[in-house]
Amino acid sequence: MSTLRSDIWCMAFVRRHNDLGHFCVVVRRGDPIAGQVFLEVDHLDGTRSLYTPAPMLSRGEKEGPVFQCRFQRVEPDKVRDRIEQEVAFDPDLWVLGVDLRTDDDLGIEVVAAPETR
């Protein structure tokens, strides 16, 4: 099984969402070959959501990037703090930012996330 490079997947994601009329940018560049990708969604109402790579066990037979919703419509500081923690642990991390009013326009595979504290 071959995997797509992180930089190519990120650029395709950004282009696709900008073509759809969503404002999407690379907030942080990571490792071009194998950096993990986090998606920060600004709902334009003062809340944000954070999508992170799903653990391998929860992916099942799915191929390609699979995400889990780590935070759903929370205050922006909570998302920002989590991203800072992850970057301190994994400096190869990518962060993509997208502005969406709804929760279902991302066009990604999402699995159920564990409860967060």
PDB file of N, CA and C in Angstrom:
ATOM      1  N   MET A   1       0.850  -1.183   0.000  1.00  0.00           N
ATOM      2  CA  MET A   1       0.000   0.000   0.000  1.00  0.00           C
ATOM      3  C   MET A   1       0.893   1.243   0.000  1.00  0.00           C
ATOM      4  N   SER A   2       0.602   2.140  -0.884  1.00  0.00           N
ATOM      5  CA  SER A   2       1.370   3.373  -0.970  1.00  0.00           C
ATOM      6  C   SER A   2       0.574   4.512  -0.339  1.00  0.00           C
ATOM      7  N   THR A   3       1.267   5.410   0.312  1.00  0.00           N
ATOM      8  CA  THR A   3       0.590   6.537   0.937  1.00  0.00           C
ATOM      9  C   THR A   3       0.979   7.820   0.224  1.00  0.00           C
ATOM     10  N   LEU A   4       0.079   8.769   0.257  1.00  0.00           N
ATOM     11  CA  LEU A   4       0.299  10.056  -0.376  1.00  0.00           C
ATOM     12  C   LEU A   4       1.141  10.946   0.539  1.00  0.00           C
ATOM     13  N   ARG A   5       2.063  11.670  -0.049  1.00  0.00           N
ATOM     14  CA  ARG A   5       2.879  12.609   0.726  1.00  0.00           C
ATOM     15  C   ARG A   5       1.979  13.650   1.389  1.00  0.00           C
ATOM     16  N   SER A   6       2.382  14.088   2.576  1.00  0.00           N
ATOM     17  CA  SER A   6       1.608  15.079   3.327  1.00  0.00           C
ATOM     18  C   SER A   6       1.476  16.394   2.573  1.00  0.00           C
ATOM     19  N   ASP A   7       2.562  16.871   1.964  1.00  0.00           N
ATOM     20  CA  ASP A   7       2.494  18.164   1.284  1.00  0.00           C
ATOM     21  C   ASP A   7       1.534  18.122   0.094  1.00  0.00           C
ATOM     22  N   ILE A   8       1.509  17.024  -0.643  1.00  0.00           N
ATOM     23  CA  ILE A   8       0.595  16.919  -1.784  1.00  0.00           C
ATOM     24  C   ILE A   8      -0.853  16.854  -1.306  1.00  0.00           C
ATOM     25  N   TRP A   9      -1.114  16.054  -0.253  1.00  0.00           N
ATOM     26  CA  TRP A   9      -2.479  15.956   0.270  1.00  0.00           C
ATOM     27  C   TRP A   9      -2.949  17.323   0.782  1.00  0.00           C
ATOM     28  N   CYS A  10      -2.083  18.025   1.507  1.00  0.00           N
ATOM     29  CA  CYS A  10      -2.454  19.331   2.067  1.00  0.00           C
ATOM     30  C   CYS A  10      -2.745  20.351   0.973  1.00  0.00           C
ATOM     31  N   MET A  11      -1.909  20.397  -0.044  1.00  0.00           N
ATOM     32  CA  MET A  11      -2.128  21.359  -1.131  1.00  0.00           C
ATOM     33  C   MET A  11      -3.422  21.039  -1.887  1.00  0.00           C
ATOM     34  N   ALA A  12      -3.716  19.750  -2.083  1.00  0.00           N
ATOM     35  CA  ALA A  12      -4.975  19.365  -2.743  1.00  0.00           C
ATOM     36  C   ALA A  12      -6.173  19.745  -1.882  1.00  0.00           C
ATOM     37  N   PHE A  13      -6.082  19.539  -0.563  1.00  0.00           N
ATOM     38  CA  PHE A  13      -7.168  19.889   0.349  1.00  0.00           C
ATOM     39  C   PHE A  13      -7.425  21.399   0.312  1.00  0.00           C
ATOM     40  N   VAL A  14      -6.352  22.182   0.401  1.00  0.00           N
ATOM     41  CA  VAL A  14      -6.485  23.646   0.382  1.00  0.00           C
ATOM     42  C   VAL A  14      -7.094  24.108  -0.936  1.00  0.00           C
ATOM     43  N   ARG A  15      -6.593  23.597  -2.028  1.00  0.00           N
ATOM     44  CA  ARG A  15      -7.113  24.010  -3.338  1.00  0.00           C
ATOM     45  C   ARG A  15      -8.581  23.641  -3.498  1.00  0.00           C
ATOM     46  N   ARG A  16      -8.923  22.414  -3.102  1.00  0.00           N
ATOM     47  CA  ARG A  16     -10.315  21.967  -3.226  1.00  0.00           C
ATOM     48  C   ARG A  16     -11.270  22.862  -2.447  1.00  0.00           C
ATOM     49  N   HIS A  17     -10.901  23.183  -1.217  1.00  0.00           N
ATOM     50  CA  HIS A  17     -11.796  24.015  -0.398  1.00  0.00           C
ATOM     51  C   HIS A  17     -11.849  25.451  -0.897  1.00  0.00           C
ATOM     52  N   ASN A  18     -10.737  25.980  -1.367  1.00  0.00           N
ATOM     53  CA  ASN A  18     -10.779  27.326  -1.937  1.00  0.00           C
ATOM     54  C   ASN A  18     -11.612  27.347  -3.213  1.00  0.00           C
ATOM     55  N   ASP A  19     -11.534  26.281  -4.020  1.00  0.00           N
ATOM     56  CA  ASP A  19     -12.363  26.186  -5.222  1.00  0.00           C
ATOM     57  C   ASP A  19     -13.851  26.119  -4.870  1.00  0.00           C
ATOM     58  N   LEU A  20     -14.180  25.526  -3.715  1.00  0.00           N
ATOM     59  CA  LEU A  20     -15.572  25.441  -3.261  1.00  0.00           C
ATOM     60  C   LEU A  20     -16.061  26.752  -2.638  1.00  0.00           C
ATOM     61  N   GLY A  21     -15.166  27.725  -2.496  1.00  0.00           N
ATOM     62  CA  GLY A  21     -15.548  29.007  -1.912  1.00  0.00           C
ATOM     63  C   GLY A  21     -15.307  29.106  -0.424  1.00  0.00           C
ATOM     64  N   HIS A  22     -14.669  28.094   0.152  1.00  0.00           N
ATOM     65  CA  HIS A  22     -14.304  28.150   1.570  1.00  0.00           C
ATOM     66  C   HIS A  22     -12.921  28.777   1.659  1.00  0.00           C
ATOM     67  N   PHE A  23     -12.689  29.555   2.673  1.00  0.00           N
ATOM     68  CA  PHE A  23     -11.359  30.116   2.876  1.00  0.00           C
ATOM     69  C   PHE A  23     -10.526  29.064   3.585  1.00  0.00           C
ATOM     70  N   CYS A  24      -9.456  28.602   2.944  1.00  0.00           N
ATOM     71  CA  CYS A  24      -8.622  27.536   3.500  1.00  0.00           C
ATOM     72  C   CYS A  24      -7.160  27.888   3.294  1.00  0.00           C
ATOM     73  N   VAL A  25      -6.360  27.758   4.351  1.00  0.00           N
ATOM     74  CA  VAL A  25      -4.938  28.109   4.286  1.00  0.00           C
ATOM     75  C   VAL A  25      -4.098  27.083   5.048  1.00  0.00           C
ATOM     76  N   VAL A  26      -2.815  27.074   4.721  1.00  0.00           N
ATOM     77  CA  VAL A  26      -1.851  26.303   5.502  1.00  0.00           C
ATOM     78  C   VAL A  26      -1.418  27.203   6.651  1.00  0.00           C
ATOM     79  N   VAL A  27      -1.773  26.826   7.856  1.00  0.00           N
ATOM     80  CA  VAL A  27      -1.415  27.602   9.045  1.00  0.00           C
ATOM     81  C   VAL A  27       0.002  27.273   9.471  1.00  0.00           C
ATOM     82  N   ARG A  28       0.376  26.004   9.331  1.00  0.00           N
ATOM     83  CA  ARG A  28       1.713  25.559   9.734  1.00  0.00           C
ATOM     84  C   ARG A  28       2.156  24.443   8.808  1.00  0.00           C
ATOM     85  N   ARG A  29       3.344  24.604   8.250  1.00  0.00           N
ATOM     86  CA  ARG A  29       3.915  23.558   7.388  1.00  0.00           C
ATOM     87  C   ARG A  29       4.696  22.570   8.242  1.00  0.00           C
ATOM     88  N   GLY A  30       4.515  21.303   7.927  1.00  0.00           N
ATOM     89  CA  GLY A  30       5.235  20.253   8.633  1.00  0.00           C
ATOM     90  C   GLY A  30       6.150  19.505   7.688  1.00  0.00           C
ATOM     91  N   ASP A  31       6.452  18.293   8.041  1.00  0.00           N
ATOM     92  CA  ASP A  31       7.300  17.456   7.208  1.00  0.00           C
ATOM     93  C   ASP A  31       6.576  17.168   5.895  1.00  0.00           C
ATOM     94  N   PRO A  32       7.224  17.424   4.747  1.00  0.00           N
ATOM     95  CA  PRO A  32       6.534  17.259   3.468  1.00  0.00           C
ATOM     96  C   PRO A  32       6.202  15.818   3.120  1.00  0.00           C
ATOM     97  N   ILE A  33       6.906  14.874   3.690  1.00  0.00           N
ATOM     98  CA  ILE A  33       6.679  13.485   3.309  1.00  0.00           C
ATOM     99  C   ILE A  33       5.716  12.771   4.247  1.00  0.00           C
ATOM    100  N   ALA A  34       5.924  12.881   5.546  1.00  0.00           N
ATOM    101  CA  ALA A  34       5.133  12.073   6.472  1.00  0.00           C
ATOM    102  C   ALA A  34       4.610  12.841   7.678  1.00  0.00           C
ATOM    103  N   GLY A  35       4.444  14.152   7.585  1.00  0.00           N
ATOM    104  CA  GLY A  35       3.918  14.911   8.710  1.00  0.00           C
ATOM    105  C   GLY A  35       2.428  14.652   8.913  1.00  0.00           C
ATOM    106  N   GLN A  36       2.006  14.557  10.167  1.00  0.00           N
ATOM    107  CA  GLN A  36       0.581  14.406  10.456  1.00  0.00           C
ATOM    108  C   GLN A  36      -0.131  15.714  10.122  1.00  0.00           C
ATOM    109  N   VAL A  37      -1.429  15.617   9.834  1.00  0.00           N
ATOM    110  CA  VAL A  37      -2.209  16.784   9.448  1.00  0.00           C
ATOM    111  C   VAL A  37      -3.336  17.001  10.450  1.00  0.00           C
ATOM    112  N   PHE A  38      -3.417  18.218  10.989  1.00  0.00           N
ATOM    113  CA  PHE A  38      -4.525  18.633  11.845  1.00  0.00           C
ATOM    114  C   PHE A  38      -5.354  19.636  11.057  1.00  0.00           C
ATOM    115  N   LEU A  39      -6.667  19.569  11.210  1.00  0.00           N
ATOM    116  CA  LEU A  39      -7.574  20.505  10.553  1.00  0.00           C
ATOM    117  C   LEU A  39      -8.262  21.353  11.614  1.00  0.00           C
ATOM    118  N   GLU A  40      -8.071  22.667  11.520  1.00  0.00           N
ATOM    119  CA  GLU A  40      -8.696  23.611  12.451  1.00  0.00           C
ATOM    120  C   GLU A  40      -9.819  24.306  11.700  1.00  0.00           C
ATOM    121  N   VAL A  41     -11.050  24.108  12.163  1.00  0.00           N
ATOM    122  CA  VAL A  41     -12.219  24.662  11.485  1.00  0.00           C
ATOM    123  C   VAL A  41     -12.763  25.831  12.294  1.00  0.00           C
ATOM    124  N   ASP A  42     -12.792  27.002  11.669  1.00  0.00           N
ATOM    125  CA  ASP A  42     -13.390  28.190  12.280  1.00  0.00           C
ATOM    126  C   ASP A  42     -14.832  28.263  11.779  1.00  0.00           C
ATOM    127  N   HIS A  43     -15.790  28.181  12.707  1.00  0.00           N
ATOM    128  CA  HIS A  43     -17.203  28.159  12.329  1.00  0.00           C
ATOM    129  C   HIS A  43     -17.791  29.556  12.154  1.00  0.00           C
ATOM    130  N   LEU A  44     -16.956  30.575  12.271  1.00  0.00           N
ATOM    131  CA  LEU A  44     -17.353  31.967  12.045  1.00  0.00           C
ATOM    132  C   LEU A  44     -18.442  32.441  13.000  1.00  0.00           C
ATOM    133  N   ASP A  45     -18.517  31.783  14.160  1.00  0.00           N
ATOM    134  CA  ASP A  45     -19.477  32.200  15.187  1.00  0.00           C
ATOM    135  C   ASP A  45     -18.791  32.275  16.555  1.00  0.00           C
ATOM    136  N   GLY A  46     -17.451  32.324  16.535  1.00  0.00           N
ATOM    137  CA  GLY A  46     -16.697  32.379  17.783  1.00  0.00           C
ATOM    138  C   GLY A  46     -16.287  31.014  18.303  1.00  0.00           C
ATOM    139  N   THR A  47     -16.603  29.951  17.563  1.00  0.00           N
ATOM    140  CA  THR A  47     -16.212  28.613  17.980  1.00  0.00           C
ATOM    141  C   THR A  47     -15.330  27.964  16.913  1.00  0.00           C
ATOM    142  N   ARG A  48     -14.580  26.957  17.354  1.00  0.00           N
ATOM    143  CA  ARG A  48     -13.717  26.210  16.436  1.00  0.00           C
ATOM    144  C   ARG A  48     -13.820  24.724  16.735  1.00  0.00           C
ATOM    145  N   SER A  49     -13.510  23.931  15.727  1.00  0.00           N
ATOM    146  CA  SER A  49     -13.420  22.479  15.872  1.00  0.00           C
ATOM    147  C   SER A  49     -12.022  22.057  15.457  1.00  0.00           C
ATOM    148  N   LEU A  50     -11.572  20.916  15.988  1.00  0.00           N
ATOM    149  CA  LEU A  50     -10.252  20.398  15.650  1.00  0.00           C
ATOM    150  C   LEU A  50     -10.373  18.941  15.242  1.00  0.00           C
ATOM    151  N   TYR A  51      -9.863  18.631  14.061  1.00  0.00           N
ATOM    152  CA  TYR A  51      -9.827  17.266  13.552  1.00  0.00           C
ATOM    153  C   TYR A  51      -8.376  16.808  13.536  1.00  0.00           C
ATOM    154  N   THR A  52      -8.136  15.641  14.128  1.00  0.00           N
ATOM    155  CA  THR A  52      -6.786  15.086  14.219  1.00  0.00           C
ATOM    156  C   THR A  52      -6.761  13.705  13.566  1.00  0.00           C
ATOM    157  N   PRO A  53      -5.588  13.203  13.209  1.00  0.00           N
ATOM    158  CA  PRO A  53      -5.530  11.862  12.624  1.00  0.00           C
ATOM    159  C   PRO A  53      -6.109  10.819  13.589  1.00  0.00           C
ATOM    160  N   ALA A  54      -6.890   9.914  13.052  1.00  0.00           N
ATOM    161  CA  ALA A  54      -7.484   8.851  13.872  1.00  0.00           C
ATOM    162  C   ALA A  54      -6.427   7.795  14.184  1.00  0.00           C
ATOM    163  N   PRO A  55      -6.526   7.182  15.369  1.00  0.00           N
ATOM    164  CA  PRO A  55      -5.597   6.091  15.686  1.00  0.00           C
ATOM    165  C   PRO A  55      -5.784   4.932  14.705  1.00  0.00           C
ATOM    166  N   MET A  56      -4.734   4.193  14.470  1.00  0.00           N
ATOM    167  CA  MET A  56      -4.772   3.088  13.512  1.00  0.00           C
ATOM    168  C   MET A  56      -5.867   2.075  13.832  1.00  0.00           C
ATOM    169  N   LEU A  57      -6.102   1.787  15.113  1.00  0.00           N
ATOM    170  CA  LEU A  57      -7.110   0.796  15.486  1.00  0.00           C
ATOM    171  C   LEU A  57      -8.519   1.206  15.077  1.00  0.00           C
ATOM    172  N   SER A  58      -8.811   2.495  15.093  1.00  0.00           N
ATOM    173  CA  SER A  58     -10.167   2.942  14.777  1.00  0.00           C
ATOM    174  C   SER A  58     -10.401   3.117  13.280  1.00  0.00           C
ATOM    175  N   ARG A  59      -9.358   2.983  12.468  1.00  0.00           N
ATOM    176  CA  ARG A  59      -9.489   3.176  11.025  1.00  0.00           C
ATOM    177  C   ARG A  59     -10.106   1.968  10.324  1.00  0.00           C
ATOM    178  N   GLY A  60      -9.941   0.797  10.896  1.00  0.00           N
ATOM    179  CA  GLY A  60     -10.448  -0.408  10.254  1.00  0.00           C
ATOM    180  C   GLY A  60      -9.742  -0.654   8.930  1.00  0.00           C
ATOM    181  N   GLU A  61     -10.501  -0.928   7.896  1.00  0.00           N
ATOM    182  CA  GLU A  61      -9.958  -1.226   6.572  1.00  0.00           C
ATOM    183  C   GLU A  61      -9.842   0.018   5.689  1.00  0.00           C
ATOM    184  N   LYS A  62     -10.158   1.171   6.231  1.00  0.00           N
ATOM    185  CA  LYS A  62     -10.140   2.406   5.440  1.00  0.00           C
ATOM    186  C   LYS A  62      -8.719   2.757   5.021  1.00  0.00           C
ATOM    187  N   GLU A  63      -8.575   3.174   3.775  1.00  0.00           N
ATOM    188  CA  GLU A  63      -7.274   3.623   3.277  1.00  0.00           C
ATOM    189  C   GLU A  63      -7.294   5.133   3.153  1.00  0.00           C
ATOM    190  N   GLY A  64      -6.126   5.737   3.191  1.00  0.00           N
ATOM    191  CA  GLY A  64      -6.033   7.184   3.082  1.00  0.00           C
ATOM    192  C   GLY A  64      -6.217   7.838   4.429  1.00  0.00           C
ATOM    193  N   PRO A  65      -6.200   9.161   4.459  1.00  0.00           N
ATOM    194  CA  PRO A  65      -6.321   9.887   5.722  1.00  0.00           C
ATOM    195  C   PRO A  65      -7.694   9.702   6.358  1.00  0.00           C
ATOM    196  N   VAL A  66      -7.696   9.374   7.634  1.00  0.00           N
ATOM    197  CA  VAL A  66      -8.920   9.229   8.414  1.00  0.00           C
ATOM    198  C   VAL A  66      -8.748  10.103   9.648  1.00  0.00           C
ATOM    199  N   PHE A  67      -9.752  10.914   9.939  1.00  0.00           N
ATOM    200  CA  PHE A  67      -9.670  11.866  11.041  1.00  0.00           C
ATOM    201  C   PHE A  67     -10.678  11.543  12.125  1.00  0.00           C
ATOM    202  N   GLN A  68     -10.446  12.139  13.287  1.00  0.00           N
ATOM    203  CA  GLN A  68     -11.414  12.115  14.374  1.00  0.00           C
ATOM    204  C   GLN A  68     -11.626  13.546  14.829  1.00  0.00           C
ATOM    205  N   CYS A  69     -12.827  13.857  15.266  1.00  0.00           N
ATOM    206  CA  CYS A  69     -13.110  15.201  15.756  1.00  0.00           C
ATOM    207  C   CYS A  69     -12.694  15.257  17.222  1.00  0.00           C
ATOM    208  N   ARG A  70     -11.598  15.947  17.481  1.00  0.00           N
ATOM    209  CA  ARG A  70     -11.072  16.029  18.841  1.00  0.00           C
ATOM    210  C   ARG A  70     -11.847  17.049  19.674  1.00  0.00           C
ATOM    211  N   PHE A  71     -12.162  18.197  19.081  1.00  0.00           N
ATOM    212  CA  PHE A  71     -12.966  19.224  19.744  1.00  0.00           C
ATOM    213  C   PHE A  71     -14.036  19.689  18.779  1.00  0.00           C
ATOM    214  N   GLN A  72     -15.266  19.776  19.252  1.00  0.00           N
ATOM    215  CA  GLN A  72     -16.381  20.196  18.414  1.00  0.00           C
ATOM    216  C   GLN A  72     -16.950  21.516  18.943  1.00  0.00           C
ATOM    217  N   ARG A  73     -16.799  22.568  18.160  1.00  0.00           N
ATOM    218  CA  ARG A  73     -17.359  23.887  18.477  1.00  0.00           C
ATOM    219  C   ARG A  73     -17.040  24.341  19.906  1.00  0.00           C
ATOM    220  N   VAL A  74     -15.754  24.523  20.148  1.00  0.00           N
ATOM    221  CA  VAL A  74     -15.288  25.007  21.450  1.00  0.00           C
ATOM    222  C   VAL A  74     -14.650  26.376  21.266  1.00  0.00           C
ATOM    223  N   GLU A  75     -14.273  27.004  22.373  1.00  0.00           N
ATOM    224  CA  GLU A  75     -13.618  28.308  22.293  1.00  0.00           C
ATOM    225  C   GLU A  75     -12.263  28.157  21.594  1.00  0.00           C
ATOM    226  N   PRO A  76     -11.858  29.154  20.804  1.00  0.00           N
ATOM    227  CA  PRO A  76     -10.618  29.068  20.017  1.00  0.00           C
ATOM    228  C   PRO A  76      -9.362  28.778  20.843  1.00  0.00           C
ATOM    229  N   ASP A  77      -9.287  29.282  22.084  1.00  0.00           N
ATOM    230  CA  ASP A  77      -8.099  29.060  22.909  1.00  0.00           C
ATOM    231  C   ASP A  77      -7.867  27.584  23.200  1.00  0.00           C
ATOM    232  N   LYS A  78      -8.947  26.833  23.368  1.00  0.00           N
ATOM    233  CA  LYS A  78      -8.814  25.402  23.660  1.00  0.00           C
ATOM    234  C   LYS A  78      -8.169  24.674  22.468  1.00  0.00           C
ATOM    235  N   VAL A  79      -8.583  25.021  21.262  1.00  0.00           N
ATOM    236  CA  VAL A  79      -8.011  24.419  20.057  1.00  0.00           C
ATOM    237  C   VAL A  79      -6.562  24.849  19.889  1.00  0.00           C
ATOM    238  N   ARG A  80      -6.298  26.130  20.080  1.00  0.00           N
ATOM    239  CA  ARG A  80      -4.939  26.659  19.945  1.00  0.00           C
ATOM    240  C   ARG A  80      -3.981  25.999  20.937  1.00  0.00           C
ATOM    241  N   ASP A  81      -4.429  25.837  22.183  1.00  0.00           N
ATOM    242  CA  ASP A  81      -3.591  25.187  23.202  1.00  0.00           C
ATOM    243  C   ASP A  81      -3.270  23.743  22.828  1.00  0.00           C
ATOM    244  N   ARG A  82      -4.274  23.023  22.314  1.00  0.00           N
ATOM    245  CA  ARG A  82      -4.047  21.626  21.931  1.00  0.00           C
ATOM    246  C   ARG A  82      -3.038  21.538  20.783  1.00  0.00           C
ATOM    247  N   ILE A  83      -3.154  22.443  19.820  1.00  0.00           N
ATOM    248  CA  ILE A  83      -2.214  22.439  18.694  1.00  0.00           C
ATOM    249  C   ILE A  83      -0.801  22.739  19.188  1.00  0.00           C
ATOM    250  N   GLU A  84      -0.657  23.699  20.100  1.00  0.00           N
ATOM    251  CA  GLU A  84       0.662  24.018  20.652  1.00  0.00           C
ATOM    252  C   GLU A  84       1.269  22.824  21.377  1.00  0.00           C
ATOM    253  N   GLN A  85       0.460  22.082  22.138  1.00  0.00           N
ATOM    254  CA  GLN A  85       0.940  20.878  22.814  1.00  0.00           C
ATOM    255  C   GLN A  85       1.435  19.849  21.797  1.00  0.00           C
ATOM    256  N   GLU A  86       0.672  19.652  20.739  1.00  0.00           N
ATOM    257  CA  GLU A  86       1.037  18.665  19.726  1.00  0.00           C
ATOM    258  C   GLU A  86       2.304  19.075  18.976  1.00  0.00           C
ATOM    259  N   VAL A  87       2.445  20.367  18.675  1.00  0.00           N
ATOM    260  CA  VAL A  87       3.640  20.847  17.968  1.00  0.00           C
ATOM    261  C   VAL A  87       4.877  20.670  18.840  1.00  0.00           C
ATOM    262  N   ALA A  88       4.751  20.874  20.145  1.00  0.00           N
ATOM    263  CA  ALA A  88       5.881  20.664  21.052  1.00  0.00           C
ATOM    264  C   ALA A  88       6.307  19.198  21.043  1.00  0.00           C
ATOM    265  N   PHE A  89       5.344  18.291  20.876  1.00  0.00           N
ATOM    266  CA  PHE A  89       5.626  16.862  20.840  1.00  0.00           C
ATOM    267  C   PHE A  89       6.087  16.407  19.453  1.00  0.00           C
ATOM    268  N   ASP A  90       5.463  16.961  18.398  1.00  0.00           N
ATOM    269  CA  ASP A  90       5.736  16.550  17.017  1.00  0.00           C
ATOM    270  C   ASP A  90       5.918  17.785  16.143  1.00  0.00           C
ATOM    271  N   PRO A  91       7.145  18.281  15.991  1.00  0.00           N
ATOM    272  CA  PRO A  91       7.369  19.495  15.204  1.00  0.00           C
ATOM    273  C   PRO A  91       7.153  19.313  13.701  1.00  0.00           C
ATOM    274  N   ASP A  92       6.902  18.088  13.237  1.00  0.00           N
ATOM    275  CA  ASP A  92       6.656  17.836  11.818  1.00  0.00           C
ATOM    276  C   ASP A  92       5.182  17.978  11.442  1.00  0.00           C
ATOM    277  N   LEU A  93       4.369  18.435  12.361  1.00  0.00           N
ATOM    278  CA  LEU A  93       2.923  18.524  12.209  1.00  0.00           C
ATOM    279  C   LEU A  93       2.492  19.620  11.241  1.00  0.00           C
ATOM    280  N   TRP A  94       1.515  19.323  10.397  1.00  0.00           N
ATOM    281  CA  TRP A  94       0.859  20.308   9.530  1.00  0.00           C
ATOM    282  C   TRP A  94      -0.419  20.768  10.211  1.00  0.00           C
ATOM    283  N   VAL A  95      -0.787  22.036  10.041  1.00  0.00           N
ATOM    284  CA  VAL A  95      -2.077  22.548  10.494  1.00  0.00           C
ATOM    285  C   VAL A  95      -2.703  23.291   9.324  1.00  0.00           C
ATOM    286  N   LEU A  96      -3.902  22.866   8.945  1.00  0.00           N
ATOM    287  CA  LEU A  96      -4.662  23.539   7.904  1.00  0.00           C
ATOM    288  C   LEU A  96      -5.849  24.223   8.553  1.00  0.00           C
ATOM    289  N   GLY A  97      -6.119  25.460   8.172  1.00  0.00           N
ATOM    290  CA  GLY A  97      -7.244  26.206   8.705  1.00  0.00           C
ATOM    291  C   GLY A  97      -8.294  26.418   7.627  1.00  0.00           C
ATOM    292  N   VAL A  98      -9.543  26.181   7.977  1.00  0.00           N
ATOM    293  CA  VAL A  98     -10.631  26.357   7.020  1.00  0.00           C
ATOM    294  C   VAL A  98     -11.809  27.034   7.724  1.00  0.00           C
ATOM    295  N   ASP A  99     -12.438  27.970   7.026  1.00  0.00           N
ATOM    296  CA  ASP A  99     -13.618  28.654   7.549  1.00  0.00           C
ATOM    297  C   ASP A  99     -14.866  27.978   7.003  1.00  0.00           C
ATOM    298  N   LEU A 100     -15.682  27.418   7.893  1.00  0.00           N
ATOM    299  CA  LEU A 100     -16.928  26.737   7.507  1.00  0.00           C
ATOM    300  C   LEU A 100     -18.003  27.018   8.541  1.00  0.00           C
ATOM    301  N   ARG A 101     -19.164  27.365   8.092  1.00  0.00           N
ATOM    302  CA  ARG A 101     -20.269  27.569   9.023  1.00  0.00           C
ATOM    303  C   ARG A 101     -20.884  26.245   9.468  1.00  0.00           C
ATOM    304  N   THR A 102     -20.855  25.222   8.599  1.00  0.00           N
ATOM    305  CA  THR A 102     -21.463  23.931   8.930  1.00  0.00           C
ATOM    306  C   THR A 102     -20.393  22.932   9.346  1.00  0.00           C
ATOM    307  N   ASP A 103     -20.841  21.781   9.817  1.00  0.00           N
ATOM    308  CA  ASP A 103     -19.909  20.750  10.274  1.00  0.00           C
ATOM    309  C   ASP A 103     -19.658  19.668   9.237  1.00  0.00           C
ATOM    310  N   ASP A 104     -20.410  19.644   8.159  1.00  0.00           N
ATOM    311  CA  ASP A 104     -20.355  18.502   7.251  1.00  0.00           C
ATOM    312  C   ASP A 104     -19.753  18.805   5.885  1.00  0.00           C
ATOM    313  N   ASP A 105     -19.097  19.937   5.708  1.00  0.00           N
ATOM    314  CA  ASP A 105     -18.551  20.306   4.404  1.00  0.00           C
ATOM    315  C   ASP A 105     -17.067  20.001   4.236  1.00  0.00           C
ATOM    316  N   LEU A 106     -16.444  19.289   5.164  1.00  0.00           N
ATOM    317  CA  LEU A 106     -15.002  19.055   5.073  1.00  0.00           C
ATOM    318  C   LEU A 106     -14.634  18.041   3.998  1.00  0.00           C
ATOM    319  N   GLY A 107     -15.483  17.086   3.731  1.00  0.00           N
ATOM    320  CA  GLY A 107     -15.192  16.102   2.710  1.00  0.00           C
ATOM    321  C   GLY A 107     -14.077  15.145   3.090  1.00  0.00           C
ATOM    322  N   ILE A 108     -13.986  14.797   4.372  1.00  0.00           N
ATOM    323  CA  ILE A 108     -12.955  13.870   4.848  1.00  0.00           C
ATOM    324  C   ILE A 108     -13.626  12.694   5.536  1.00  0.00           C
ATOM    325  N   GLU A 109     -12.897  11.613   5.697  1.00  0.00           N
ATOM    326  CA  GLU A 109     -13.363  10.443   6.431  1.00  0.00           C
ATOM    327  C   GLU A 109     -13.176  10.717   7.909  1.00  0.00           C
ATOM    328  N   VAL A 110     -14.276  10.645   8.699  1.00  0.00           N
ATOM    329  CA  VAL A 110     -14.207  10.925  10.135  1.00  0.00           C
ATOM    330  C   VAL A 110     -14.752   9.725  10.901  1.00  0.00           C
ATOM    331  N   VAL A 111     -14.021   9.285  11.914  1.00  0.00           N
ATOM    332  CA  VAL A 111     -14.464   8.213  12.792  1.00  0.00           C
ATOM    333  C   VAL A 111     -14.745   8.800  14.170  1.00  0.00           C
ATOM    334  N   ALA A 112     -15.449   8.063  15.000  1.00  0.00           N
ATOM    335  CA  ALA A 112     -15.788   8.534  16.336  1.00  0.00           C
ATOM    336  C   ALA A 112     -14.512   8.725  17.155  1.00  0.00           C
ATOM    337  N   ALA A 113     -14.465   9.827  17.877  1.00  0.00           N
ATOM    338  CA  ALA A 113     -13.299  10.137  18.710  1.00  0.00           C
ATOM    339  C   ALA A 113     -13.552   9.713  20.142  1.00  0.00           C
ATOM    340  N   PRO A 114     -12.485   9.409  20.871  1.00  0.00           N
ATOM    341  CA  PRO A 114     -12.654   9.121  22.296  1.00  0.00           C
ATOM    342  C   PRO A 114     -13.040  10.403  23.028  1.00  0.00           C
ATOM    343  N   GLU A 115     -13.616  10.245  24.185  1.00  0.00           N
ATOM    344  CA  GLU A 115     -13.965  11.399  25.007  1.00  0.00           C
ATOM    345  C   GLU A 115     -12.701  12.147  25.388  1.00  0.00           C
ATOM    346  N   THR A 116     -12.739  13.492  25.299  1.00  0.00           N
ATOM    347  CA  THR A 116     -11.584  14.303  25.688  1.00  0.00           C
ATOM    348  C   THR A 116     -11.882  15.027  26.977  1.00  0.00           C
ATOM    349  N   ARG A 117     -10.838  15.300  27.711  1.00  0.00           N
ATOM    350  CA  ARG A 117     -11.000  16.024  28.978  1.00  0.00           C
ATOM    351  C   ARG A 117     -10.340  17.357  28.883  1.00  0.00           C
TER     352      ARG A 117
END
